[in-house]
Every structure is written in C-alpha cells, then in structure tokens.
Protein backbone atom coordinates (compact mmCIF):
# COMPACT_ATOMS: atom_id res chain seq x y z
CA MET A 1 122.96 105.50 67.07
CA ALA A 2 122.66 103.03 69.94
CA LYS A 3 121.91 99.40 69.14
CA SER A 4 118.32 98.38 69.86
CA GLU A 5 117.98 96.47 73.13
CA SER A 6 116.22 93.11 72.83
CA ILE A 7 113.78 92.70 75.73
CA GLY A 8 111.90 89.70 77.08
CA ILE A 9 108.82 89.54 79.30
CA ILE A 10 108.20 86.84 81.90
CA GLY A 11 104.53 86.79 82.85
CA CYS A 12 101.80 87.19 80.22
CA GLY A 13 98.88 88.29 82.38
CA VAL A 14 96.71 91.39 81.99
CA ILE A 15 99.48 93.94 82.58
CA SER A 16 101.76 92.49 79.88
CA GLU A 17 99.50 93.86 77.19
CA ALA A 18 100.18 97.46 78.25
CA TYR A 19 103.95 96.94 78.09
CA LEU A 20 103.76 95.33 74.65
CA ARG A 21 101.32 97.92 73.34
CA LEU A 22 103.35 100.92 74.55
CA ALA A 23 106.90 99.73 73.83
CA PRO A 24 106.93 101.36 70.34
CA ASN A 25 106.85 104.77 72.07
CA PHE A 26 110.51 104.37 73.01
CA ARG A 27 113.79 104.46 71.11
CA ASN A 28 116.38 101.72 70.76
CA LEU A 29 114.42 98.93 72.39
CA ALA A 30 112.09 96.16 71.28
CA ILE A 31 110.20 93.43 73.12
CA THR A 32 111.11 90.32 71.14
CA ALA A 33 109.96 87.38 73.29
CA VAL A 34 107.50 86.46 76.02
CA ALA A 35 107.33 83.56 78.48
CA ASP A 36 104.84 82.33 81.05
CA ILE A 37 104.46 79.41 83.44
CA VAL A 38 101.36 78.63 81.34
CA PRO A 39 102.70 78.09 77.79
CA ALA A 40 99.30 78.79 76.21
CA ALA A 41 99.28 82.28 77.76
CA ALA A 42 102.69 83.05 76.25
CA LYS A 43 101.64 81.73 72.85
CA ALA A 44 98.47 83.81 72.83
CA ARG A 45 100.27 87.01 73.80
CA ALA A 46 103.07 86.30 71.30
CA ALA A 47 100.58 85.82 68.48
CA GLN A 48 98.77 89.03 69.46
CA TYR A 49 101.91 91.16 69.22
CA GLY A 50 104.07 89.30 66.70
CA VAL A 51 106.84 88.22 69.08
CA ARG A 52 108.32 84.84 70.03
CA ALA A 53 106.87 82.59 72.72
CA VAL A 54 109.63 80.81 74.62
CA THR A 55 110.12 79.05 77.93
CA VAL A 56 111.50 80.95 80.92
CA ASP A 57 114.70 78.90 80.74
CA GLU A 58 115.11 79.65 77.03
CA MET A 59 114.70 83.36 77.70
CA LEU A 60 117.24 83.39 80.52
CA LYS A 61 119.78 81.64 78.29
CA ASP A 62 119.14 83.75 75.17
CA PRO A 63 122.33 85.79 74.51
CA GLU A 64 120.42 88.30 72.38
CA ILE A 65 118.11 89.35 75.20
CA GLY A 66 119.80 91.88 77.48
CA THR A 67 116.83 92.99 79.60
CA ILE A 68 113.88 91.08 81.04
CA ILE A 69 110.68 92.54 82.47
CA ASN A 70 109.27 90.57 85.41
CA LEU A 71 105.45 90.65 85.31
CA THR A 72 104.79 87.62 87.49
CA VAL A 73 102.59 87.64 90.61
CA PRO A 74 104.12 89.39 93.67
CA ALA A 75 105.02 86.13 95.41
CA ALA A 76 107.30 85.24 92.49
CA HIS A 77 108.95 88.64 92.02
CA TYR A 78 112.04 87.90 94.12
CA ASP A 79 112.83 84.49 92.65
CA VAL A 80 112.26 85.56 89.05
CA SER A 81 114.25 88.79 89.35
CA SER A 82 117.07 86.92 91.07
CA ALA A 83 117.14 84.42 88.20
CA ILE A 84 117.24 87.28 85.66
CA ILE A 85 120.17 88.91 87.45
CA SER A 86 121.96 85.55 87.75
CA ALA A 87 121.62 85.23 83.97
CA GLY A 88 123.56 88.49 83.60
CA LYS A 89 120.60 90.53 82.36
CA ASN A 90 119.05 93.82 83.47
CA ALA A 91 115.90 93.19 85.50
CA TYR A 92 112.82 95.41 85.60
CA SER A 93 110.08 94.24 87.97
CA GLU A 94 106.48 95.14 88.44
CA LYS A 95 105.78 96.35 91.96
CA PRO A 96 106.45 95.42 94.64
CA ILE A 97 110.09 94.58 94.00
CA ALA A 98 109.83 91.68 96.51
CA LEU A 99 107.62 90.51 99.35
CA ASP A 100 109.73 92.16 102.05
CA ALA A 101 112.58 94.62 102.54
CA LYS A 102 115.14 91.89 103.23
CA GLN A 103 114.48 90.26 99.87
CA ALA A 104 114.62 93.67 98.19
CA ALA A 105 118.02 94.43 99.75
CA LYS A 106 119.32 91.08 98.55
CA LEU A 107 118.26 91.84 94.98
CA VAL A 108 119.94 95.26 95.08
CA ALA A 109 123.19 93.71 96.35
CA GLN A 110 122.97 90.90 93.79
CA ALA A 111 122.51 93.32 90.89
CA ASP A 112 125.40 95.50 92.09
CA LYS A 113 127.69 92.47 92.31
CA ALA A 114 126.62 91.21 88.88
CA GLY A 115 127.10 94.61 87.26
CA VAL A 116 123.57 94.77 85.86
CA LYS A 117 120.75 97.23 86.41
CA LEU A 118 117.74 96.58 88.62
CA ALA A 119 114.65 98.77 88.48
CA CYS A 120 111.02 98.52 89.49
CA ALA A 121 107.61 99.98 88.73
CA PRO A 122 105.86 102.25 89.19
CA ASP A 123 107.38 104.71 86.74
CA THR A 124 104.34 107.01 86.66
CA PHE A 125 106.21 109.68 88.65
CA LEU A 126 108.35 110.20 85.53
CA GLY A 127 105.29 111.44 83.63
CA GLY A 128 104.13 114.98 83.03
CA GLY A 129 102.15 115.16 86.28
CA GLY A 130 104.90 113.96 88.60
CA GLN A 131 107.65 115.96 86.91
CA THR A 132 105.60 119.18 86.88
CA ALA A 133 104.92 118.79 90.60
CA ARG A 134 108.62 118.09 91.20
CA ARG A 135 109.69 121.29 89.41
CA LEU A 136 107.21 123.34 91.45
CA ILE A 137 108.27 121.75 94.75
CA ASP A 138 111.96 122.24 93.96
CA LYS A 139 111.54 125.92 93.14
CA GLY A 140 109.60 126.51 96.37
CA ALA A 141 106.17 127.19 94.88
CA ILE A 142 104.47 126.17 98.15
CA GLY A 143 107.45 126.61 100.45
CA THR A 144 108.56 123.79 102.75
CA VAL A 145 106.10 120.92 102.84
CA ILE A 146 104.76 120.44 106.38
CA ALA A 147 102.03 117.87 105.87
CA GLY A 148 99.90 116.10 103.33
CA THR A 149 97.27 113.47 102.59
CA ALA A 150 97.11 110.57 100.15
CA VAL A 151 93.90 108.62 99.63
CA VAL A 152 93.25 105.48 97.58
CA MET A 153 89.90 103.84 98.25
CA SER A 154 87.63 101.48 96.34
CA HIS A 155 85.83 98.18 96.75
CA GLY A 156 88.65 96.03 95.43
CA MET A 157 89.67 94.37 92.20
CA GLU A 158 87.33 91.42 91.76
CA HIS A 159 84.83 93.43 89.71
CA TRP A 160 87.27 93.91 86.81
CA HIS A 161 90.23 91.50 87.07
CA PRO A 162 89.51 87.97 85.74
CA THR A 163 91.85 86.24 88.23
CA PRO A 164 92.02 88.47 91.33
CA THR A 165 93.15 85.90 93.92
CA PHE A 166 96.69 87.30 94.30
CA PHE A 167 95.37 90.76 95.17
CA TYR A 168 94.11 89.40 98.48
CA GLN A 169 97.23 87.47 99.48
CA PRO A 170 100.37 88.61 101.36
CA GLY A 171 102.46 90.76 99.06
CA ALA A 172 99.41 92.55 97.72
CA GLY A 173 96.40 94.19 99.38
CA PRO A 174 95.79 97.91 98.75
CA MET A 175 98.97 99.09 100.49
CA LEU A 176 101.36 96.89 98.52
CA ASP A 177 99.43 96.82 95.22
CA ILE A 178 98.11 100.39 94.80
CA GLY A 179 100.12 102.05 97.56
CA PRO A 180 103.39 101.94 95.58
CA TYR A 181 102.05 104.58 93.17
CA TYR A 182 101.29 106.96 96.02
CA VAL A 183 104.31 106.25 98.22
CA THR A 184 106.66 106.41 95.22
CA ALA A 185 105.20 109.78 94.20
CA LEU A 186 105.63 111.11 97.74
CA VAL A 187 109.24 109.91 98.14
CA HIS A 188 110.08 111.33 94.70
CA LEU A 189 108.79 114.73 95.85
CA LEU A 190 109.72 114.80 99.54
CA GLY A 191 112.62 112.38 99.96
CA PRO A 192 113.03 109.38 102.28
CA VAL A 193 110.77 108.36 105.17
CA LYS A 194 112.16 107.86 108.69
CA THR A 195 109.22 106.59 110.76
CA VAL A 196 105.78 105.07 110.18
CA ALA A 197 102.74 104.57 112.41
CA ALA A 198 99.66 102.69 111.21
CA MET A 199 96.49 100.75 111.91
CA ALA A 200 94.98 98.03 109.70
CA SER A 201 91.96 95.76 109.39
CA GLN A 202 90.30 93.25 107.09
CA GLY A 203 86.80 94.31 106.08
CA PHE A 204 85.69 91.11 104.39
CA LYS A 205 86.91 87.53 104.80
CA GLU A 206 85.94 86.57 101.24
CA ARG A 207 85.44 88.32 97.92
CA LEU A 208 82.94 87.33 95.21
CA VAL A 209 84.43 87.60 91.74
CA SER A 210 82.05 89.41 89.37
CA ALA A 211 84.48 90.09 86.51
CA GLU A 212 84.08 88.14 83.29
CA GLY A 213 86.50 85.24 83.14
CA PRO A 214 87.30 81.80 84.55
CA MET A 215 86.63 82.78 88.18
CA ARG A 216 83.30 84.59 87.74
CA GLY A 217 80.96 83.61 90.56
CA LYS A 218 83.73 82.11 92.68
CA LYS A 219 84.88 83.38 96.07
CA VAL A 220 88.41 84.48 96.93
CA LYS A 221 89.73 84.08 100.48
CA VAL A 222 91.26 87.26 101.93
CA THR A 223 94.51 86.66 103.84
CA THR A 224 95.98 90.18 104.05
CA PRO A 225 94.76 93.52 105.47
CA THR A 226 92.46 95.45 103.14
CA THR A 227 92.20 98.76 105.04
CA ILE A 228 95.44 100.40 106.17
CA ASN A 229 95.77 103.96 107.52
CA ALA A 230 99.29 105.23 108.12
CA VAL A 231 101.23 108.36 108.98
CA LEU A 232 104.58 108.70 107.21
CA GLY A 233 107.24 110.77 108.94
CA PHE A 234 109.72 112.03 106.35
CA ALA A 235 113.34 112.87 107.04
CA SER A 236 112.51 116.39 105.85
CA GLY A 237 110.07 116.80 108.74
CA ALA A 238 106.92 116.46 106.63
CA GLN A 239 104.08 114.27 107.91
CA VAL A 240 101.76 112.65 105.36
CA THR A 241 98.66 110.62 106.16
CA ILE A 242 97.97 107.82 103.68
CA ALA A 243 94.67 105.92 103.63
CA THR A 244 94.45 102.76 101.52
CA SER A 245 91.35 100.57 101.41
CA TRP A 246 89.52 98.00 99.31
CA ASP A 247 86.59 97.99 101.74
CA VAL A 248 84.93 101.24 100.62
CA TRP A 249 81.86 101.32 98.40
CA LYS A 250 81.85 105.11 97.88
CA HIS A 251 83.76 108.09 99.23
CA GLY A 252 84.04 111.85 98.76
CA HIS A 253 87.80 112.25 98.53
CA ARG A 254 88.37 113.85 95.13
CA ASN A 255 92.07 114.65 95.44
CA PRO A 256 94.44 111.66 95.45
CA ILE A 257 97.36 113.59 96.98
CA GLU A 258 97.46 117.00 98.68
CA LEU A 259 100.60 118.68 100.04
CA TYR A 260 100.50 121.57 102.52
CA GLY A 261 103.49 123.89 102.60
CA THR A 262 104.60 126.96 104.50
CA GLU A 263 103.65 129.13 101.53
CA GLY A 264 100.75 127.29 99.93
CA THR A 265 98.99 124.08 98.91
CA MET A 266 99.46 121.66 96.01
CA ILE A 267 97.00 119.10 94.64
CA LEU A 268 98.51 116.33 92.54
CA PRO A 269 96.83 114.22 89.87
CA ASP A 270 96.23 110.49 90.31
CA PRO A 271 99.70 108.86 90.55
CA ASN A 272 98.35 105.72 88.86
CA PHE A 273 98.71 107.68 85.62
CA PHE A 274 101.43 109.75 84.00
CA GLY A 275 99.62 113.03 83.35
CA GLY A 276 96.76 115.09 84.73
CA THR A 277 96.37 118.55 86.22
CA VAL A 278 98.65 119.91 88.94
CA THR A 279 96.98 122.63 91.02
CA TYR A 280 98.71 124.93 93.49
CA SER A 281 97.93 128.10 95.40
CA VAL A 282 100.10 130.58 97.25
CA ARG A 283 98.86 131.04 100.81
CA ASP A 284 95.09 131.61 100.59
CA GLY A 285 95.21 132.92 97.01
CA GLU A 286 93.52 131.67 93.88
CA ASP A 287 94.37 128.27 92.44
CA THR A 288 96.75 127.95 89.51
CA GLU A 289 96.03 124.91 87.36
CA ILE A 290 98.65 123.36 85.09
CA ASP A 291 97.41 120.88 82.51
CA THR A 292 100.37 118.60 81.82
CA ALA A 293 99.14 117.36 78.42
CA SER A 294 101.82 119.51 76.75
CA VAL A 295 104.59 118.16 79.03
CA PRO A 296 106.59 115.07 77.97
CA PHE A 297 104.71 111.89 78.91
CA GLY A 298 101.64 113.80 80.01
CA ALA A 299 99.28 113.68 77.03
CA PRO A 300 96.29 111.28 77.14
CA ASN A 301 97.13 108.39 74.81
CA PHE A 302 95.55 105.21 76.17
CA GLN A 303 92.14 103.77 76.91
CA GLY A 304 92.03 100.86 79.30
CA ARG A 305 88.77 99.07 79.97
CA PRO A 306 85.86 99.97 77.61
CA GLY A 307 83.97 103.02 78.77
CA THR A 308 86.87 104.49 80.74
CA PRO A 309 88.32 107.90 79.75
CA MET A 310 91.54 108.34 77.79
CA ARG A 311 94.50 108.50 80.17
CA SER A 312 98.19 109.21 79.86
CA ASN A 313 99.94 105.85 79.95
CA TYR A 314 103.63 105.51 79.10
CA ARG A 315 104.50 102.18 80.71
CA MET A 316 107.94 101.15 79.51
CA LEU A 317 109.27 104.62 80.38
CA GLY A 318 110.97 103.13 83.45
CA VAL A 319 112.38 100.30 81.33
CA ALA A 320 113.68 102.78 78.75
CA ASP A 321 115.28 104.86 81.50
CA MET A 322 116.90 101.74 83.01
CA ILE A 323 118.41 100.76 79.65
CA ASP A 324 119.62 104.33 79.17
CA ALA A 325 121.12 104.18 82.68
CA ALA A 326 123.00 101.01 81.77
CA ARG A 327 124.41 102.66 78.66
CA ARG A 328 125.40 105.83 80.54
CA LYS A 329 126.58 104.05 83.69
CA ARG A 330 124.22 105.88 86.04
CA GLU A 331 121.50 104.95 88.52
CA PRO A 332 118.04 104.34 87.01
CA ARG A 333 115.40 106.74 88.25
CA CYS A 334 113.21 103.75 89.21
CA SER A 335 116.20 102.00 90.76
CA GLY A 336 116.06 98.92 92.92
CA ARG A 337 117.40 101.00 95.82
CA PHE A 338 114.57 103.50 95.47
CA ALA A 339 111.96 100.72 95.13
CA ALA A 340 113.40 98.86 98.13
CA HIS A 341 112.95 101.96 100.32
CA VAL A 342 109.37 102.38 99.09
CA LEU A 343 108.71 98.72 99.89
CA GLU A 344 110.16 99.10 103.40
CA ILE A 345 107.84 102.07 104.02
CA MET A 346 104.79 99.97 103.12
CA GLU A 347 106.10 96.97 105.02
CA ALA A 348 106.63 99.25 108.03
CA ALA A 349 102.98 100.34 107.83
CA LEU A 350 101.81 96.72 108.02
CA ALA A 351 104.29 95.97 110.81
CA SER A 352 103.25 99.04 112.78
CA ALA A 353 99.61 98.03 112.52
CA GLU A 354 100.40 94.51 113.67
CA LYS A 355 102.65 95.51 116.55
CA GLY A 356 100.85 98.67 117.65
CA ARG A 357 103.93 100.91 117.68
CA PHE A 358 106.00 103.29 115.59
CA VAL A 359 108.44 101.63 113.19
CA THR A 360 111.76 103.27 112.31
CA LEU A 361 113.05 102.51 108.83
CA LYS A 362 116.50 101.02 108.32
CA SER A 363 116.97 102.14 104.72
CA THR A 364 117.08 105.51 103.07
CA THR A 365 117.24 106.72 99.47
CA GLU A 366 118.01 109.73 97.33
CA ARG A 367 115.30 111.42 95.31
CA PRO A 368 115.56 110.39 91.64
CA LYS A 369 116.94 113.10 89.39
CA PRO A 370 114.29 115.07 87.48
CA LEU A 371 113.51 113.91 83.95
CA THR A 372 114.40 116.78 81.63
CA ALA A 373 113.02 117.56 78.18
CA ALA A 374 116.39 116.49 76.75
CA ASP A 375 116.10 113.17 78.58
CA ALA A 376 112.61 112.69 77.16
CA ARG A 377 113.82 113.30 73.61
CA ARG A 378 116.61 110.76 74.10
CA LEU A 379 114.23 108.09 75.42
CA ALA A 380 111.11 108.49 73.30
CA VAL A 381 110.28 108.51 69.61
CA PRO A 382 109.17 111.96 68.38
CA GLU A 383 105.59 110.78 67.90
CA ALA A 384 105.27 110.06 71.63
CA LEU A 385 106.25 113.61 72.65
CA PRO A 386 104.35 116.90 72.39
CA ALA A 387 105.20 119.11 69.44
CA SER A 388 107.92 121.58 70.39
C-alpha cells in the first residue's frame, strides 16, 4: 500500500473549504497544514478542519509535505507555484495557472527541470459527465465534430462572494475565471486549438457588492473585460463559439455546451460540476439521455450555498491524479502543459479582441487520457464511488 501523501494548502479563502471537505474521498493522501498571508485566516481554517496552521515559509521548508495546493488569488499564482516547485514539491494550482502564457510556459519548464509534477484546476472534466461525453465522442456517437457552442452568462460574482475584487482585475473576468471550465472541457473532447477570433467589452465600470461580508455595500472597480465572445478554431477543424459574460441579468441559454457532429448532436452538462446528464441524438432522431450519477465521480454529493441543489463535486480528484502520476511516472491528466494551452487560448481571445484580428496559438497539447473505472478505484475510497 502506498504511503499517504502529506499535502499543504496555501490560501485559505472560500475555495479552500471545498478542498479540505472533499479530501477524505481519496486514497493515500491527507491535507495536514494550511497557510495564508493573513495568519488569522489560516488559523480559522485549521481549527475548522483539525489541521496545522503554519506560515508559507514553514510549509515550503517542511520535509514531510510533498505536495502543495496553490489557492491564492490569480495574480499570485505564478510566484507561489514557482516557490513550491523551487522547494522540490509537487504543485497543484487553482486556475488560471498563471496570468499569461509566458509565465505558464516558465512554470512547466521549471517543474520539468526540478523533476516534480505541476497540475492545475479545473479537474471537473475527470468527472462522470466529462468522461461519459469523452467515451461517446471517441466511439463516434455523433461522428466528426464540426461546430459547437459554449455559453456562460450571469451578472457577476459580487452577489455571493464576500471579497470579489479580484474577479474584476486582470487575470480574472469571466473568460479567465469561469472560462477555464468550458475551454478545458472542449480541449479534453476535441483536442488543441489553433486560432482564435474574439470581441470584448466592459459592461459596467464599477460593481456594488451585495454579498454578506466585509465589503457589503462597497463598490469594486472593474479593470478587465466582462463580456467576451470568441470563436475557437480547433486543429481538428471544429469551430466552437464561446460566449462569456458577467453583464447579463437573465438569458435563455439552457445548454452550457453543445457539439454538432456529422452524425448527430451532443449536449453536455455544466462543466463547473463533475456530473450531470449527457444527451445525444443520431442525425434528427430522438434524444438519448445518460444520467452520470452511476459513473465514477458523477453522483451528487455536495451542497454549496444554502438553497442550491445537490451537485457532484469531487475537487481534489486532480490532486489525487497528480500524486498518482508522480508515483507512476506519467503525465497528470490536469498537467501544467494542458493548463498552459488552455490559458493561451483564453489569453488569445483577449488579445484578439484588443487587436481586432485572428490570433494563432504557439502552443499545442495532447488530450488527457480517459479516466477508467480501474483508475477511479485506485484514486478514490470505496465510499466515494458508485456500488459496482
């Protein structure tokens, strides 16, 4: 039996709770310490989950900790991940992996040279929804994908997040904050992107924070585009239109991602989550719906904010896969290389909008290998998987 990996977290904001809460779903790993630039935040989270609160420097120097999860704000992702790698530890970052593609490439090269693993959220494509869609695509259920749409629209984050300032700064905005779920899902299914064309705008110059917390009633200055519409040209020949906006009060788009193939159509569940229903039809025939609750990492298991429905949430799956990759000397499915390509796609959309021209990507990537049932059993505790 493999030795349990001791894991640290840097950054004790809202998202850290999900990682700490869901870590027990996975084998041979344990979050043992947390750190934050605000010591009180680390102490509070440590007390909540029975782990140690330490300084960032103490965590980087701890010989027992082999992997660190970087949950800092986007502007700090590069520096913190670089420090983790320099300390000789595996680094798993929240998205985006860095603020730009050049920084991302540097991290990938640094991790390769150091002989450690680098991976990045989102890992939702490893869930039951993403893996079911992948199996159908690979076996030709809808033929060759010609086109598609991806839509993520709302009126922003200030109505629920207590400190939403960073969402409206460079490195975030809807394309770089929510877009990674959608772009990652698309690259996982269709492969790398070659060209991008886009337009962008900023609907509001300021945002009024209405969420409960220290900033309630305060205004946040917007310094990044909040509506971005792009067309992604994939190396496979597929063209997918992606619309991301935090300037929309209501809309009628009910399907987050649709793919149109030579032999049919597929509708994917929300890539923010791990499960959901995958629907496909052959030519103009009847829809076939596949509920992925019985697929590994597809069952609803988590309630977020009060009043929201139960969702499938298996955060830490990407971390578990990265640790398994280190042990088996393979590429993580959420690898830094994969995340760097996803980041360059989104960066290209912003650049295209700014410059008014097509942008050709410099990087490419391979599709991550499918996550098999055997892989799931190796990564997760039996209680986290559907009964066989």
